[in-house]
Protein backbone atom coordinates (compact mmCIF):
# COMPACT_ATOMS: atom_id res chain seq x y z
CA MET A 1 14.73 167.87 -74.53
CA ALA A 2 13.01 166.52 -71.42
CA HIS A 3 11.97 168.83 -68.60
CA LYS A 4 11.70 167.82 -64.99
CA LYS A 5 8.97 169.46 -62.99
CA VAL A 6 10.90 170.25 -59.85
CA ASN A 7 10.83 173.43 -57.83
CA LEU A 8 7.64 174.73 -59.43
CA PRO A 9 5.55 177.01 -57.23
CA GLU A 10 2.45 175.44 -55.72
CA LYS A 11 -0.82 176.72 -54.31
CA ILE A 12 -3.76 175.14 -52.49
CA CYS A 13 -7.06 175.07 -54.37
CA LYS A 14 -9.78 177.12 -52.65
CA THR A 15 -12.46 174.51 -53.46
CA CYS A 16 -10.90 171.06 -53.05
CA ASN A 17 -7.99 172.04 -50.76
CA ARG A 18 -5.51 170.03 -52.84
CA PRO A 19 -2.14 171.37 -53.96
CA PHE A 20 -1.62 172.27 -57.60
CA ALA A 21 1.53 173.34 -59.40
CA TRP A 22 2.33 176.27 -61.66
CA ARG A 23 1.47 175.86 -65.35
CA LYS A 24 2.84 177.70 -68.37
CA LYS A 25 -0.66 178.96 -69.25
CA TRP A 26 -0.83 180.68 -65.84
CA GLU A 27 2.51 182.44 -66.35
CA LYS A 28 1.06 185.95 -66.73
CA ASN A 29 -1.58 185.74 -63.99
CA TRP A 30 -0.24 183.24 -61.43
CA GLU A 31 -1.04 185.62 -58.58
CA GLU A 32 -4.76 185.60 -59.48
CA VAL A 33 -5.10 181.82 -59.93
CA LEU A 34 -7.17 180.38 -57.06
CA TYR A 35 -8.54 177.09 -58.41
CA CYS A 36 -6.82 173.99 -59.77
CA SER A 37 -9.33 173.34 -62.55
CA ASP A 38 -12.43 174.62 -64.32
CA LYS A 39 -14.49 172.10 -62.35
CA CYS A 40 -13.34 173.60 -59.03
CA ARG A 41 -13.86 177.11 -60.35
CA MET A 42 -17.46 176.29 -61.30
CA ASN A 43 -18.14 174.66 -57.91
CA LYS A 44 -16.56 177.41 -55.84
CA THR A 45 -19.71 178.06 -53.78
CA LYS A 46 -19.86 174.50 -52.44
């Protein structure tokens, strides 16, 4: 069964200012997610 990724919530990454979409692994804490990747999270002070 194929899924289409339409109408997923998006946020803007605090580090790179690029949009990123909701992921299943962020289901329980989507409100706290601020960064699109571990790389951006580690470079958050730049």
